């Protein structure tokens, strides 16, 4: 026999044998006295939807699932219910990420437990945040865990969000005083040592693939970094100022990220054909033995606001070319590195 619940101070209380039937057996709600449990509205809605709960009484009215959903108990109830129901259908137990459902809850909407485990097992598989496709995400609000985005047709995309550790073993030794000329939006190195391209992967040979000792064309970013290190005979501020003239204030932001990557043994090259700022190589031994780049990096100010649609585009593209999408958020205090990947729970 299906039970009924009743609204009471923001939760739905269910008596009878609710603890054994819903909480102990299937991880819904949290125990009250005796066999009574308290359900979050989304949990009660799911039990109503399945027919396991007959009705919820609110202010004397018996609400079916349709009436309960129309009541919309909470601003984000619609998208949260869709994600809750989807993960339940995939075999996961999940609870609101708040006490008293779980102790020491993460800063999220839901705590999702590993398959076969529930809230009493003390293990969380995903700290899950839920948004609709029209909800912007300020960079300052990024959190480690999983972001579930519900689109206008109620389809759900899951993104794993985490901080990215940027390290590599690529060579960092540079020559000194190589002759160079600053052109409109690039720099030419006329007689660089062979290793500058072959080992440390700066520039592109002017001669193309057929060269004995390449004349290198370098981007303004590469040239500004080389000039600052004394590797070319150009004034670093002159090159940097040209970069600002060409692309505005974003040049300084990108140069800061470029320099940091090089200092960490990672080779950044243009990510233009992928719609990113950089593609990166962590362990370059020689250009002849160059493997695939690992990351696509988009450089953004720390106050950037993401649109979920743009996140989906970036992550989909990176996944399609077997790379991870990373974001370098540049602020006065430093650079925060974040990575997003598609997740199939």
C-alpha atoms as a PDB file:
ATOM      1  CA  UNK A   1       0.000   0.000   0.000  1.00  0.00           C
ATOM      2  CA  UNK A   2       1.365   3.425  -0.982  1.00  0.00           C
ATOM      3  CA  UNK A   3       1.860   5.933   1.814  1.00  0.00           C
ATOM      4  CA  UNK A   4       1.025   9.619   2.011  1.00  0.00           C
ATOM      5  CA  UNK A   5       3.281  12.458   3.089  1.00  0.00           C
ATOM      6  CA  UNK A   6       2.564  15.884   4.484  1.00  0.00           C
ATOM      7  CA  UNK A   7       4.402  19.172   4.101  1.00  0.00           C
ATOM      8  CA  UNK A   8       5.886  20.429   7.337  1.00  0.00           C
ATOM      9  CA  UNK A   9       8.439  23.264   7.529  1.00  0.00           C
ATOM     10  CA  UNK A  10       9.972  22.725   4.085  1.00  0.00           C
ATOM     11  CA  UNK A  11      10.145  18.915   4.153  1.00  0.00           C
ATOM     12  CA  UNK A  12       7.682  16.127   3.479  1.00  0.00           C
ATOM     13  CA  UNK A  13       7.152  13.861   6.498  1.00  0.00           C
ATOM     14  CA  UNK A  14       6.097  10.272   5.876  1.00  0.00           C
ATOM     15  CA  UNK A  15       5.102   7.884   8.657  1.00  0.00           C
ATOM     16  CA  UNK A  16       4.040   4.215   8.650  1.00  0.00           C
ATOM     17  CA  UNK A  17       6.895   1.944   7.589  1.00  0.00           C
ATOM     18  CA  UNK A  18       8.554   4.749   5.591  1.00  0.00           C
ATOM     19  CA  UNK A  19      11.981   4.301   7.164  1.00  0.00           C
ATOM     20  CA  UNK A  20      12.330   0.668   6.139  1.00  0.00           C
ATOM     21  CA  UNK A  21      10.591   1.132   2.801  1.00  0.00           C
ATOM     22  CA  UNK A  22      12.186   4.339   1.553  1.00  0.00           C
ATOM     23  CA  UNK A  23      15.238   5.236   3.617  1.00  0.00           C
ATOM     24  CA  UNK A  24      16.842   1.944   4.635  1.00  0.00           C
ATOM     25  CA  UNK A  25      16.094   0.140   1.386  1.00  0.00           C
ATOM     26  CA  UNK A  26      16.560   2.949  -1.164  1.00  0.00           C
ATOM     27  CA  UNK A  27      18.310   5.894   0.463  1.00  0.00           C
ATOM     28  CA  UNK A  28      15.481   8.459   0.458  1.00  0.00           C
ATOM     29  CA  UNK A  29      15.253  11.135   3.160  1.00  0.00           C
ATOM     30  CA  UNK A  30      16.576  11.074   6.703  1.00  0.00           C
ATOM     31  CA  UNK A  31      15.136   9.343   9.792  1.00  0.00           C
ATOM     32  CA  UNK A  32      12.963  11.077  12.356  1.00  0.00           C
ATOM     33  CA  UNK A  33      11.478   9.417  15.442  1.00  0.00           C
ATOM     34  CA  UNK A  34      10.340   5.835  15.109  1.00  0.00           C
ATOM     35  CA  UNK A  35       9.761   4.819  11.505  1.00  0.00           C
ATOM     36  CA  UNK A  36       9.008   8.330  10.255  1.00  0.00           C
ATOM     37  CA  UNK A  37      11.293  10.025   7.719  1.00  0.00           C
ATOM     38  CA  UNK A  38      11.652  13.493   6.231  1.00  0.00           C
ATOM     39  CA  UNK A  39      11.983  13.948   2.476  1.00  0.00           C
ATOM     40  CA  UNK A  40      13.260  16.892   0.501  1.00  0.00           C
ATOM     41  CA  UNK A  41      10.659  18.102  -2.028  1.00  0.00           C
ATOM     42  CA  UNK A  42      12.663  16.605  -4.902  1.00  0.00           C
ATOM     43  CA  UNK A  43      12.753  13.211  -3.161  1.00  0.00           C
ATOM     44  CA  UNK A  44       9.024  13.327  -2.469  1.00  0.00           C
ATOM     45  CA  UNK A  45       8.375  14.284  -6.085  1.00  0.00           C
ATOM     46  CA  UNK A  46      10.352  11.302  -7.315  1.00  0.00           C
ATOM     47  CA  UNK A  47       8.421   8.912  -5.087  1.00  0.00           C
ATOM     48  CA  UNK A  48       5.157  10.470  -6.300  1.00  0.00           C
ATOM     49  CA  UNK A  49       6.315  10.127  -9.918  1.00  0.00           C
ATOM     50  CA  UNK A  50       7.094   6.428  -9.399  1.00  0.00           C
ATOM     51  CA  UNK A  51       3.795   5.812  -7.628  1.00  0.00           C
ATOM     52  CA  UNK A  52       5.581   4.801  -4.404  1.00  0.00           C
ATOM     53  CA  UNK A  53       3.999   7.740  -2.602  1.00  0.00           C
ATOM     54  CA  UNK A  54       0.275   8.187  -3.114  1.00  0.00           C
ATOM     55  CA  UNK A  55      -0.004  11.899  -2.337  1.00  0.00           C
ATOM     56  CA  UNK A  56       1.474  14.781  -0.394  1.00  0.00           C
ATOM     57  CA  UNK A  57      -0.888  16.776   1.793  1.00  0.00           C
ATOM     58  CA  UNK A  58      -0.252  20.504   1.854  1.00  0.00           C
ATOM     59  CA  UNK A  59      -2.585  22.853   3.696  1.00  0.00           C
ATOM     60  CA  UNK A  60      -5.355  20.270   3.570  1.00  0.00           C
ATOM     61  CA  UNK A  61      -4.966  19.531  -0.164  1.00  0.00           C
ATOM     62  CA  UNK A  62      -3.850  16.125  -1.443  1.00  0.00           C
ATOM     63  CA  UNK A  63      -1.341  16.690  -4.210  1.00  0.00           C
ATOM     64  CA  UNK A  64      -0.571  14.125  -6.885  1.00  0.00           C
ATOM     65  CA  UNK A  65       2.730  14.295  -8.797  1.00  0.00           C
ATOM     66  CA  UNK A  66       1.221  16.571 -11.432  1.00  0.00           C
ATOM     67  CA  UNK A  67      -0.151  18.947  -8.839  1.00  0.00           C
ATOM     68  CA  UNK A  68       3.024  18.761  -6.771  1.00  0.00           C
ATOM     69  CA  UNK A  69       5.215  19.597  -9.778  1.00  0.00           C
ATOM     70  CA  UNK A  70       2.932  22.483 -10.772  1.00  0.00           C
ATOM     71  CA  UNK A  71       3.301  23.887  -7.258  1.00  0.00           C
ATOM     72  CA  UNK A  72       7.091  24.152  -7.915  1.00  0.00           C
ATOM     73  CA  UNK A  73       8.456  23.945  -4.363  1.00  0.00           C
ATOM     74  CA  UNK A  74      11.647  25.935  -4.977  1.00  0.00           C
ATOM     75  CA  UNK A  75      13.032  28.131  -7.751  1.00  0.00           C
ATOM     76  CA  UNK A  76      15.217  25.394  -9.275  1.00  0.00           C
ATOM     77  CA  UNK A  77      12.863  22.516  -8.597  1.00  0.00           C
ATOM     78  CA  UNK A  78      12.274  21.666 -12.278  1.00  0.00           C
ATOM     79  CA  UNK A  79      15.887  21.182 -13.327  1.00  0.00           C
ATOM     80  CA  UNK A  80      16.836  19.551 -10.029  1.00  0.00           C
ATOM     81  CA  UNK A  81      14.030  16.998 -10.377  1.00  0.00           C
ATOM     82  CA  UNK A  82      15.127  16.078 -13.901  1.00  0.00           C
ATOM     83  CA  UNK A  83      18.702  15.453 -12.792  1.00  0.00           C
ATOM     84  CA  UNK A  84      17.594  13.611  -9.661  1.00  0.00           C
ATOM     85  CA  UNK A  85      15.340  11.305 -11.653  1.00  0.00           C
ATOM     86  CA  UNK A  86      18.023  10.725 -14.296  1.00  0.00           C
ATOM     87  CA  UNK A  87      20.660   9.664 -11.783  1.00  0.00           C
ATOM     88  CA  UNK A  88      18.188   7.453  -9.929  1.00  0.00           C
ATOM     89  CA  UNK A  89      17.408   5.747 -13.236  1.00  0.00           C
ATOM     90  CA  UNK A  90      21.160   5.120 -13.660  1.00  0.00           C
ATOM     91  CA  UNK A  91      21.309   3.274 -10.357  1.00  0.00           C
ATOM     92  CA  UNK A  92      22.659   6.035  -8.104  1.00  0.00           C
ATOM     93  CA  UNK A  93      21.397   7.066  -4.708  1.00  0.00           C
ATOM     94  CA  UNK A  94      21.707  10.796  -4.055  1.00  0.00           C
ATOM     95  CA  UNK A  95      20.740  13.242  -1.337  1.00  0.00           C
ATOM     96  CA  UNK A  96      20.471  16.993  -0.999  1.00  0.00           C
ATOM     97  CA  UNK A  97      23.939  18.285  -0.109  1.00  0.00           C
ATOM     98  CA  UNK A  98      22.899  19.570   3.281  1.00  0.00           C
ATOM     99  CA  UNK A  99      22.445  18.457   6.839  1.00  0.00           C
ATOM    100  CA  UNK A 100      20.769  16.435   8.209  1.00  0.00           C
ATOM    101  CA  UNK A 101      20.662  14.337   5.020  1.00  0.00           C
ATOM    102  CA  UNK A 102      24.437  13.890   5.246  1.00  0.00           C
ATOM    103  CA  UNK A 103      27.178  14.952   7.624  1.00  0.00           C
ATOM    104  CA  UNK A 104      29.770  17.477   6.433  1.00  0.00           C
ATOM    105  CA  UNK A 105      28.022  18.115   3.091  1.00  0.00           C
ATOM    106  CA  UNK A 106      29.888  19.523   0.071  1.00  0.00           C
ATOM    107  CA  UNK A 107      29.034  22.943  -1.351  1.00  0.00           C
ATOM    108  CA  UNK A 108      26.679  21.614  -4.019  1.00  0.00           C
ATOM    109  CA  UNK A 109      23.050  20.817  -4.743  1.00  0.00           C
ATOM    110  CA  UNK A 110      23.341  17.035  -4.386  1.00  0.00           C
ATOM    111  CA  UNK A 111      25.719  14.488  -2.970  1.00  0.00           C
ATOM    112  CA  UNK A 112      25.790  11.491  -5.314  1.00  0.00           C
ATOM    113  CA  UNK A 113      26.941   8.223  -3.782  1.00  0.00           C
ATOM    114  CA  UNK A 114      28.845   5.418  -5.513  1.00  0.00           C
ATOM    115  CA  UNK A 115      26.645   2.716  -7.020  1.00  0.00           C
ATOM    116  CA  UNK A 116      25.595   0.282  -4.342  1.00  0.00           C
ATOM    117  CA  UNK A 117      26.187   2.784  -1.537  1.00  0.00           C
ATOM    118  CA  UNK A 118      24.012   5.329   0.245  1.00  0.00           C
ATOM    119  CA  UNK A 119      24.153   8.233   2.672  1.00  0.00           C
ATOM    120  CA  UNK A 120      25.107   6.038   5.637  1.00  0.00           C
ATOM    121  CA  UNK A 121      28.272   4.690   3.968  1.00  0.00           C
ATOM    122  CA  UNK A 122      30.241   7.930   4.273  1.00  0.00           C
ATOM    123  CA  UNK A 123      31.478   8.024   0.671  1.00  0.00           C
ATOM    124  CA  UNK A 124      30.526  10.545  -2.030  1.00  0.00           C
ATOM    125  CA  UNK A 125      31.143   9.893  -5.715  1.00  0.00           C
ATOM    126  CA  UNK A 126      30.162  13.343  -6.997  1.00  0.00           C
ATOM    127  CA  UNK A 127      29.435  16.715  -5.488  1.00  0.00           C
ATOM    128  CA  UNK A 128      26.801  17.801  -7.996  1.00  0.00           C
ATOM    129  CA  UNK A 129      25.616  21.263  -8.970  1.00  0.00           C
ATOM    130  CA  UNK A 130      22.553  21.676 -11.227  1.00  0.00           C
ATOM    131  CA  UNK A 131      21.773  24.590 -13.541  1.00  0.00           C
ATOM    132  CA  UNK A 132      19.646  25.297 -16.589  1.00  0.00           C
ATOM    133  CA  UNK A 133      21.268  26.149 -19.920  1.00  0.00           C
ATOM    134  CA  UNK A 134      20.397  29.836 -19.478  1.00  0.00           C
ATOM    135  CA  UNK A 135      22.071  30.157 -16.072  1.00  0.00           C
ATOM    136  CA  UNK A 136      25.441  31.879 -16.356  1.00  0.00           C
ATOM    137  CA  UNK A 137      28.381  30.636 -14.291  1.00  0.00           C
ATOM    138  CA  UNK A 138      30.775  33.298 -12.941  1.00  0.00           C
ATOM    139  CA  UNK A 139      34.361  32.057 -12.976  1.00  0.00           C
ATOM    140  CA  UNK A 140      34.571  32.862  -9.263  1.00  0.00           C
ATOM    141  CA  UNK A 141      31.796  30.307  -8.642  1.00  0.00           C
ATOM    142  CA  UNK A 142      33.576  27.352 -10.246  1.00  0.00           C
ATOM    143  CA  UNK A 143      33.793  24.418  -7.848  1.00  0.00           C
ATOM    144  CA  UNK A 144      35.406  21.023  -8.003  1.00  0.00           C
ATOM    145  CA  UNK A 145      32.801  18.360  -8.667  1.00  0.00           C
ATOM    146  CA  UNK A 146      30.216  17.771 -11.361  1.00  0.00           C
ATOM    147  CA  UNK A 147      28.092  20.361 -13.136  1.00  0.00           C
ATOM    148  CA  UNK A 148      24.809  19.119 -14.617  1.00  0.00           C
ATOM    149  CA  UNK A 149      23.328  21.403 -17.269  1.00  0.00           C
ATOM    150  CA  UNK A 150      19.698  20.886 -18.286  1.00  0.00           C
ATOM    151  CA  UNK A 151      18.885  22.242 -21.740  1.00  0.00           C
ATOM    152  CA  UNK A 152      15.593  23.603 -23.025  1.00  0.00           C
ATOM    153  CA  UNK A 153      14.471  20.138 -24.157  1.00  0.00           C
ATOM    154  CA  UNK A 154      15.262  18.676 -20.715  1.00  0.00           C
ATOM    155  CA  UNK A 155      18.333  16.773 -21.887  1.00  0.00           C
ATOM    156  CA  UNK A 156      21.182  16.697 -19.387  1.00  0.00           C
ATOM    157  CA  UNK A 157      24.897  17.160 -19.973  1.00  0.00           C
ATOM    158  CA  UNK A 158      27.326  16.356 -17.171  1.00  0.00           C
ATOM    159  CA  UNK A 159      30.691  18.091 -16.866  1.00  0.00           C
ATOM    160  CA  UNK A 160      33.449  17.077 -14.496  1.00  0.00           C
ATOM    161  CA  UNK A 161      35.038  20.251 -13.110  1.00  0.00           C
ATOM    162  CA  UNK A 162      38.418  20.249 -11.411  1.00  0.00           C
ATOM    163  CA  UNK A 163      41.583  22.196 -10.859  1.00  0.00           C
ATOM    164  CA  UNK A 164      44.299  21.420 -13.370  1.00  0.00           C
ATOM    165  CA  UNK A 165      47.905  20.783 -12.362  1.00  0.00           C
ATOM    166  CA  UNK A 166      50.113  22.213 -15.114  1.00  0.00           C
ATOM    167  CA  UNK A 167      53.567  20.598 -15.187  1.00  0.00           C
ATOM    168  CA  UNK A 168      55.902  19.267 -17.842  1.00  0.00           C
ATOM    169  CA  UNK A 169      59.446  18.174 -18.579  1.00  0.00           C
ATOM    170  CA  UNK A 170      60.144  20.070 -21.805  1.00  0.00           C
ATOM    171  CA  UNK A 171      63.552  21.757 -22.153  1.00  0.00           C
ATOM    172  CA  UNK A 172      63.796  25.367 -20.967  1.00  0.00           C
ATOM    173  CA  UNK A 173      67.431  26.246 -21.820  1.00  0.00           C
ATOM    174  CA  UNK A 174      67.671  29.283 -24.117  1.00  0.00           C
ATOM    175  CA  UNK A 175      70.452  30.923 -26.154  1.00  0.00           C
ATOM    176  CA  UNK A 176      71.421  34.597 -25.784  1.00  0.00           C
ATOM    177  CA  UNK A 177      71.291  37.522 -28.168  1.00  0.00           C
ATOM    178  CA  UNK A 178      69.962  35.850 -31.311  1.00  0.00           C
ATOM    179  CA  UNK A 179      69.511  38.427 -34.112  1.00  0.00           C
ATOM    180  CA  UNK A 180      65.829  39.185 -34.718  1.00  0.00           C
ATOM    181  CA  UNK A 181      63.614  41.673 -36.523  1.00  0.00           C
ATOM    182  CA  UNK A 182      60.216  42.871 -35.357  1.00  0.00           C
ATOM    183  CA  UNK A 183      57.740  42.904 -38.229  1.00  0.00           C
ATOM    184  CA  UNK A 184      54.069  43.933 -38.184  1.00  0.00           C
ATOM    185  CA  UNK A 185      52.684  41.169 -35.963  1.00  0.00           C
ATOM    186  CA  UNK A 186      55.502  38.642 -35.698  1.00  0.00           C
ATOM    187  CA  UNK A 187      59.266  38.380 -35.278  1.00  0.00           C
ATOM    188  CA  UNK A 188      61.886  36.691 -37.481  1.00  0.00           C
ATOM    189  CA  UNK A 189      64.989  35.081 -35.950  1.00  0.00           C
ATOM    190  CA  UNK A 190      67.623  34.978 -38.672  1.00  0.00           C
ATOM    191  CA  UNK A 191      70.292  32.599 -37.442  1.00  0.00           C
ATOM    192  CA  UNK A 192      68.997  30.837 -34.318  1.00  0.00           C
ATOM    193  CA  UNK A 193      70.633  27.713 -32.925  1.00  0.00           C
ATOM    194  CA  UNK A 194      69.102  24.518 -34.241  1.00  0.00           C
ATOM    195  CA  UNK A 195      67.915  23.525 -30.746  1.00  0.00           C
ATOM    196  CA  UNK A 196      65.673  26.571 -30.341  1.00  0.00           C
ATOM    197  CA  UNK A 197      63.165  24.993 -32.686  1.00  0.00           C
ATOM    198  CA  UNK A 198      64.085  21.319 -32.548  1.00  0.00           C
ATOM    199  CA  UNK A 199      64.376  20.983 -28.765  1.00  0.00           C
ATOM    200  CA  UNK A 200      62.440  23.840 -27.203  1.00  0.00           C
ATOM    201  CA  UNK A 201      59.896  24.249 -30.016  1.00  0.00           C
ATOM    202  CA  UNK A 202      59.891  28.023 -30.484  1.00  0.00           C
ATOM    203  CA  UNK A 203      58.534  29.438 -33.738  1.00  0.00           C
ATOM    204  CA  UNK A 204      58.030  27.873 -37.156  1.00  0.00           C
ATOM    205  CA  UNK A 205      60.723  27.506 -39.851  1.00  0.00           C
ATOM    206  CA  UNK A 206      60.477  30.129 -42.587  1.00  0.00           C
ATOM    207  CA  UNK A 207      61.691  27.455 -45.009  1.00  0.00           C
ATOM    208  CA  UNK A 208      58.872  25.048 -44.115  1.00  0.00           C
ATOM    209  CA  UNK A 209      59.793  21.413 -43.593  1.00  0.00           C
ATOM    210  CA  UNK A 210      62.937  21.553 -45.765  1.00  0.00           C
ATOM    211  CA  UNK A 211      65.714  23.237 -43.781  1.00  0.00           C
ATOM    212  CA  UNK A 212      69.215  22.625 -42.513  1.00  0.00           C
ATOM    213  CA  UNK A 213      69.200  25.340 -39.876  1.00  0.00           C
ATOM    214  CA  UNK A 214      65.820  27.074 -39.764  1.00  0.00           C
ATOM    215  CA  UNK A 215      65.107  30.763 -39.927  1.00  0.00           C
ATOM    216  CA  UNK A 216      62.289  31.066 -37.391  1.00  0.00           C
ATOM    217  CA  UNK A 217      59.070  33.031 -37.502  1.00  0.00           C
ATOM    218  CA  UNK A 218      57.863  33.630 -33.951  1.00  0.00           C
ATOM    219  CA  UNK A 219      54.591  34.980 -32.658  1.00  0.00           C
ATOM    220  CA  UNK A 220      54.638  38.155 -30.629  1.00  0.00           C
ATOM    221  CA  UNK A 221      53.993  36.074 -27.515  1.00  0.00           C
ATOM    222  CA  UNK A 222      56.991  33.852 -28.187  1.00  0.00           C
ATOM    223  CA  UNK A 223      59.151  36.848 -29.066  1.00  0.00           C
ATOM    224  CA  UNK A 224      58.151  38.827 -25.969  1.00  0.00           C
ATOM    225  CA  UNK A 225      59.048  35.860 -23.789  1.00  0.00           C
ATOM    226  CA  UNK A 226      62.371  35.318 -25.597  1.00  0.00           C
ATOM    227  CA  UNK A 227      63.203  39.026 -25.406  1.00  0.00           C
ATOM    228  CA  UNK A 228      62.464  39.145 -21.669  1.00  0.00           C
ATOM    229  CA  UNK A 229      64.814  36.151 -21.210  1.00  0.00           C
ATOM    230  CA  UNK A 230      67.571  37.826 -23.261  1.00  0.00           C
ATOM    231  CA  UNK A 231      67.434  35.121 -25.921  1.00  0.00           C
ATOM    232  CA  UNK A 232      66.930  37.622 -28.784  1.00  0.00           C
ATOM    233  CA  UNK A 233      68.400  41.073 -29.353  1.00  0.00           C
ATOM    234  CA  UNK A 234      65.095  42.915 -29.119  1.00  0.00           C
ATOM    235  CA  UNK A 235      63.801  45.136 -26.332  1.00  0.00           C
ATOM    236  CA  UNK A 236      61.121  43.170 -24.495  1.00  0.00           C
ATOM    237  CA  UNK A 237      58.962  46.222 -23.799  1.00  0.00           C
ATOM    238  CA  UNK A 238      58.999  47.147 -27.492  1.00  0.00           C
ATOM    239  CA  UNK A 239      57.739  43.689 -28.453  1.00  0.00           C
ATOM    240  CA  UNK A 240      55.157  43.707 -25.669  1.00  0.00           C
ATOM    241  CA  UNK A 241      53.889  47.126 -26.705  1.00  0.00           C
ATOM    242  CA  UNK A 242      53.474  45.856 -30.261  1.00  0.00           C
ATOM    243  CA  UNK A 243      51.461  42.956 -28.879  1.00  0.00           C
ATOM    244  CA  UNK A 244      49.182  45.376 -27.044  1.00  0.00           C
ATOM    245  CA  UNK A 245      48.699  47.374 -30.239  1.00  0.00           C
ATOM    246  CA  UNK A 246      47.753  44.215 -32.139  1.00  0.00           C
ATOM    247  CA  UNK A 247      45.345  42.562 -29.674  1.00  0.00           C
ATOM    248  CA  UNK A 248      44.714  44.958 -26.825  1.00  0.00           C
ATOM    249  CA  UNK A 249      44.740  44.204 -23.122  1.00  0.00           C
ATOM    250  CA  UNK A 250      44.356  40.449 -23.637  1.00  0.00           C
ATOM    251  CA  UNK A 251      47.977  40.299 -24.844  1.00  0.00           C
ATOM    252  CA  UNK A 252      49.332  40.877 -21.318  1.00  0.00           C
ATOM    253  CA  UNK A 253      46.985  38.229 -19.956  1.00  0.00           C
ATOM    254  CA  UNK A 254      48.058  35.694 -22.575  1.00  0.00           C
ATOM    255  CA  UNK A 255      51.745  36.546 -22.152  1.00  0.00           C
ATOM    256  CA  UNK A 256      51.468  35.939 -18.430  1.00  0.00           C
ATOM    257  CA  UNK A 257      49.979  32.499 -19.043  1.00  0.00           C
ATOM    258  CA  UNK A 258      52.487  31.729 -21.805  1.00  0.00           C
ATOM    259  CA  UNK A 259      55.427  32.591 -19.527  1.00  0.00           C
ATOM    260  CA  UNK A 260      54.018  30.517 -16.657  1.00  0.00           C
ATOM    261  CA  UNK A 261      53.584  27.488 -18.913  1.00  0.00           C
ATOM    262  CA  UNK A 262      57.150  27.762 -20.205  1.00  0.00           C
ATOM    263  CA  UNK A 263      58.490  28.108 -16.660  1.00  0.00           C
ATOM    264  CA  UNK A 264      56.671  24.888 -15.745  1.00  0.00           C
ATOM    265  CA  UNK A 265      58.231  22.929 -18.593  1.00  0.00           C
ATOM    266  CA  UNK A 266      55.137  23.013 -20.808  1.00  0.00           C
ATOM    267  CA  UNK A 267      55.296  24.157 -24.438  1.00  0.00           C
ATOM    268  CA  UNK A 268      52.354  26.345 -25.486  1.00  0.00           C
ATOM    269  CA  UNK A 269      51.620  26.724 -29.194  1.00  0.00           C
ATOM    270  CA  UNK A 270      48.741  28.518 -30.844  1.00  0.00           C
ATOM    271  CA  UNK A 271      45.336  26.943 -30.363  1.00  0.00           C
ATOM    272  CA  UNK A 272      43.730  29.022 -33.109  1.00  0.00           C
ATOM    273  CA  UNK A 273      42.530  26.125 -35.265  1.00  0.00           C
ATOM    274  CA  UNK A 274      40.776  24.699 -32.203  1.00  0.00           C
ATOM    275  CA  UNK A 275      39.231  28.015 -31.182  1.00  0.00           C
ATOM    276  CA  UNK A 276      41.466  28.284 -28.112  1.00  0.00           C
ATOM    277  CA  UNK A 277      44.419  30.425 -27.059  1.00  0.00           C
ATOM    278  CA  UNK A 278      46.893  27.557 -26.736  1.00  0.00           C
ATOM    279  CA  UNK A 279      47.428  23.886 -27.282  1.00  0.00           C
ATOM    280  CA  UNK A 280      50.110  22.491 -24.990  1.00  0.00           C
ATOM    281  CA  UNK A 281      52.807  19.816 -24.974  1.00  0.00           C
ATOM    282  CA  UNK A 282      54.062  18.674 -21.585  1.00  0.00           C
ATOM    283  CA  UNK A 283      57.067  16.536 -22.525  1.00  0.00           C
ATOM    284  CA  UNK A 284      58.760  17.710 -25.715  1.00  0.00           C
ATOM    285  CA  UNK A 285      62.047  15.935 -26.430  1.00  0.00           C
ATOM    286  CA  UNK A 286      62.306  16.930 -30.087  1.00  0.00           C
ATOM    287  CA  UNK A 287      60.015  18.251 -32.788  1.00  0.00           C
ATOM    288  CA  UNK A 288      60.717  15.136 -34.859  1.00  0.00           C
ATOM    289  CA  UNK A 289      59.207  12.970 -32.116  1.00  0.00           C
ATOM    290  CA  UNK A 290      56.393  15.324 -31.162  1.00  0.00           C
ATOM    291  CA  UNK A 291      53.281  13.626 -29.851  1.00  0.00           C
ATOM    292  CA  UNK A 292      49.747  14.966 -29.645  1.00  0.00           C
ATOM    293  CA  UNK A 293      49.093  18.043 -27.544  1.00  0.00           C
ATOM    294  CA  UNK A 294      47.265  17.295 -24.311  1.00  0.00           C
ATOM    295  CA  UNK A 295      45.391  20.471 -23.399  1.00  0.00           C
ATOM    296  CA  UNK A 296      43.479  23.246 -25.087  1.00  0.00           C
ATOM    297  CA  UNK A 297      43.714  26.391 -22.975  1.00  0.00           C
ATOM    298  CA  UNK A 298      41.477  29.407 -23.073  1.00  0.00           C
ATOM    299  CA  UNK A 299      42.863  32.451 -21.244  1.00  0.00           C
ATOM    300  CA  UNK A 300      40.250  34.544 -19.434  1.00  0.00           C
ATOM    301  CA  UNK A 301      40.075  37.272 -16.783  1.00  0.00           C
ATOM    302  CA  UNK A 302      39.209  36.102 -13.292  1.00  0.00           C
ATOM    303  CA  UNK A 303      35.854  37.936 -13.442  1.00  0.00           C
ATOM    304  CA  UNK A 304      34.764  36.143 -16.618  1.00  0.00           C
ATOM    305  CA  UNK A 305      31.212  34.797 -16.723  1.00  0.00           C
ATOM    306  CA  UNK A 306      30.692  31.515 -18.573  1.00  0.00           C
ATOM    307  CA  UNK A 307      27.596  30.740 -20.579  1.00  0.00           C
ATOM    308  CA  UNK A 308      26.774  27.020 -20.427  1.00  0.00           C
ATOM    309  CA  UNK A 309      26.427  26.950 -24.221  1.00  0.00           C
ATOM    310  CA  UNK A 310      30.041  28.128 -24.610  1.00  0.00           C
ATOM    311  CA  UNK A 311      31.251  25.565 -22.100  1.00  0.00           C
ATOM    312  CA  UNK A 312      29.511  22.839 -24.077  1.00  0.00           C
ATOM    313  CA  UNK A 313      31.117  24.019 -27.325  1.00  0.00           C
ATOM    314  CA  UNK A 314      34.607  24.152 -25.822  1.00  0.00           C
ATOM    315  CA  UNK A 315      34.411  20.801 -24.090  1.00  0.00           C
ATOM    316  CA  UNK A 316      32.828  19.066 -27.097  1.00  0.00           C
ATOM    317  CA  UNK A 317      35.546  20.356 -29.421  1.00  0.00           C
ATOM    318  CA  UNK A 318      38.356  19.358 -27.063  1.00  0.00           C
ATOM    319  CA  UNK A 319      36.860  15.892 -26.612  1.00  0.00           C
ATOM    320  CA  UNK A 320      36.544  15.491 -30.388  1.00  0.00           C
ATOM    321  CA  UNK A 321      40.287  16.053 -30.873  1.00  0.00           C
ATOM    322  CA  UNK A 322      41.263  13.948 -27.849  1.00  0.00           C
ATOM    323  CA  UNK A 323      42.292  16.813 -25.600  1.00  0.00           C
ATOM    324  CA  UNK A 324      41.191  18.254 -22.282  1.00  0.00           C
ATOM    325  CA  UNK A 325      39.670  21.732 -22.146  1.00  0.00           C
ATOM    326  CA  UNK A 326      41.380  23.953 -19.598  1.00  0.00           C
ATOM    327  CA  UNK A 327      40.808  27.534 -18.542  1.00  0.00           C
ATOM    328  CA  UNK A 328      43.480  29.893 -17.207  1.00  0.00           C
ATOM    329  CA  UNK A 329      41.757  32.548 -15.086  1.00  0.00           C
ATOM    330  CA  UNK A 330      44.116  35.477 -14.687  1.00  0.00           C
ATOM    331  CA  UNK A 331      43.846  37.887 -11.776  1.00  0.00           C
ATOM    332  CA  UNK A 332      46.063  40.178  -9.747  1.00  0.00           C
ATOM    333  CA  UNK A 333      46.813  37.435  -7.234  1.00  0.00           C
ATOM    334  CA  UNK A 334      47.823  34.847  -9.822  1.00  0.00           C
ATOM    335  CA  UNK A 335      46.438  32.296 -12.278  1.00  0.00           C
ATOM    336  CA  UNK A 336      43.800  29.687 -11.463  1.00  0.00           C
ATOM    337  CA  UNK A 337      43.784  26.615 -13.684  1.00  0.00           C
ATOM    338  CA  UNK A 338      40.543  24.724 -14.233  1.00  0.00           C
ATOM    339  CA  UNK A 339      39.678  21.798 -16.499  1.00  0.00           C
ATOM    340  CA  UNK A 340      36.293  20.579 -17.741  1.00  0.00           C
ATOM    341  CA  UNK A 341      35.497  17.237 -19.344  1.00  0.00           C
ATOM    342  CA  UNK A 342      32.306  15.477 -20.366  1.00  0.00           C
ATOM    343  CA  UNK A 343      31.183  12.885 -17.865  1.00  0.00           C
ATOM    344  CA  UNK A 344      28.883   9.916 -18.296  1.00  0.00           C
ATOM    345  CA  UNK A 345      27.738   8.917 -14.796  1.00  0.00           C
END
